Amino acid sequence: MANPNRPITEVQKSAEEQRFDDWRSHPETKAFFAWIKRQREQIRQDWEAGAFAEGRENSQAIGICQGLRMAEEVEFSQINETGDSDE
């Protein structure tokens, strides 16, 4: 049971964090993150095979991999740093 003396923002944060955890553990979300991981690995293999020989292509591939890694590793605190909610 929630502590009535605890500020509502903490209760809301806890509920938002629980929804985030539920979302991360949902089978469709897990499938999406598995797809992200496969895409990232494919780019890394392509890079290793020399597919991005030009500087611009190499930089783009690095940026894509970094973005995919960030998405793959996102945590609740990172997406909710301001405490703002779209709701």
Protein backbone atom coordinates (compact mmCIF):
# COMPACT_ATOMS: atom_id res chain seq x y z
CA MET A 1 0.00 0.00 0.00
CA ALA A 2 1.27 3.47 -0.89
CA ASN A 3 2.49 5.68 1.91
CA PRO A 4 0.03 8.61 2.14
CA ASN A 5 2.84 10.85 3.43
CA ARG A 6 4.96 10.29 0.33
CA PRO A 7 4.72 13.11 -2.23
CA ILE A 8 2.50 12.32 -5.21
CA THR A 9 5.41 12.87 -7.60
CA GLU A 10 7.25 9.91 -6.11
CA VAL A 11 4.15 7.74 -6.45
CA GLN A 12 3.71 8.86 -10.04
CA LYS A 13 7.38 8.25 -10.79
CA SER A 14 7.12 4.80 -9.32
CA ALA A 15 4.06 4.06 -11.47
CA GLU A 16 5.78 5.43 -14.58
CA GLU A 17 8.88 3.39 -13.84
CA GLN A 18 6.74 0.27 -13.42
CA ARG A 19 5.05 0.92 -16.78
CA PHE A 20 8.49 1.32 -18.35
CA ASP A 21 9.62 -1.98 -16.83
CA ASP A 22 6.42 -3.65 -18.03
CA TRP A 23 7.01 -2.25 -21.52
CA ARG A 24 10.64 -3.46 -21.57
CA SER A 25 9.58 -6.97 -20.56
CA HIS A 26 6.69 -7.20 -23.07
CA PRO A 27 7.28 -9.89 -25.74
CA GLU A 28 6.81 -7.45 -28.64
CA THR A 29 9.27 -5.00 -27.08
CA LYS A 30 11.76 -7.81 -26.54
CA ALA A 31 11.36 -8.78 -30.20
CA PHE A 32 11.97 -5.17 -31.25
CA PHE A 33 15.14 -4.94 -29.17
CA ALA A 34 16.33 -8.28 -30.57
CA TRP A 35 15.83 -6.79 -34.06
CA ILE A 36 17.84 -3.70 -33.04
CA LYS A 37 20.63 -5.95 -31.79
CA ARG A 38 20.66 -7.92 -35.05
CA GLN A 39 20.77 -4.72 -37.12
CA ARG A 40 23.66 -3.38 -35.08
CA GLU A 41 25.57 -6.65 -35.39
CA GLN A 42 24.99 -6.75 -39.16
CA ILE A 43 26.41 -3.24 -39.54
CA ARG A 44 29.42 -4.23 -37.45
CA GLN A 45 29.99 -7.30 -39.62
CA ASP A 46 29.61 -5.22 -42.79
CA TRP A 47 32.13 -2.73 -41.41
CA GLU A 48 34.56 -5.51 -40.59
CA ALA A 49 34.22 -6.80 -44.16
CA GLY A 50 35.14 -3.36 -45.51
CA ALA A 51 31.69 -2.30 -46.71
CA PHE A 52 32.18 1.26 -45.47
CA ALA A 53 35.46 2.12 -47.18
CA GLU A 54 34.71 5.79 -47.69
CA GLY A 55 35.00 8.16 -44.74
CA ARG A 56 31.43 9.38 -44.95
CA GLU A 57 29.98 5.86 -45.12
CA ASN A 58 32.15 4.81 -42.20
CA SER A 59 31.01 7.79 -40.13
CA GLN A 60 27.37 7.07 -40.93
CA ALA A 61 27.74 3.42 -39.94
CA ILE A 62 29.38 4.41 -36.66
CA GLY A 63 26.56 6.88 -35.96
CA ILE A 64 23.90 4.29 -36.73
CA CYS A 65 25.58 1.74 -34.45
CA GLN A 66 25.88 4.29 -31.65
CA GLY A 67 22.21 5.22 -32.00
CA LEU A 68 21.10 1.60 -31.99
CA ARG A 69 23.26 0.93 -28.91
CA MET A 70 21.71 3.91 -27.13
CA ALA A 71 18.20 2.65 -27.94
CA GLU A 72 19.12 -0.89 -26.90
CA GLU A 73 20.51 0.22 -23.53
CA VAL A 74 17.99 2.96 -22.63
CA GLU A 75 16.91 3.08 -19.00
CA PHE A 76 13.95 4.77 -17.37
CA SER A 77 16.08 7.45 -15.74
CA GLN A 78 17.53 8.46 -19.11
CA ILE A 79 14.20 9.06 -20.82
CA ASN A 80 12.61 10.68 -17.80
CA GLU A 81 15.43 12.99 -16.72
CA THR A 82 13.25 16.13 -16.77
CA GLY A 83 10.40 14.46 -14.96
CA ASP A 84 8.02 15.67 -17.67
CA SER A 85 5.35 13.38 -18.98
CA ASP A 86 3.43 13.44 -22.28
CA GLU A 87 0.26 12.49 -20.43
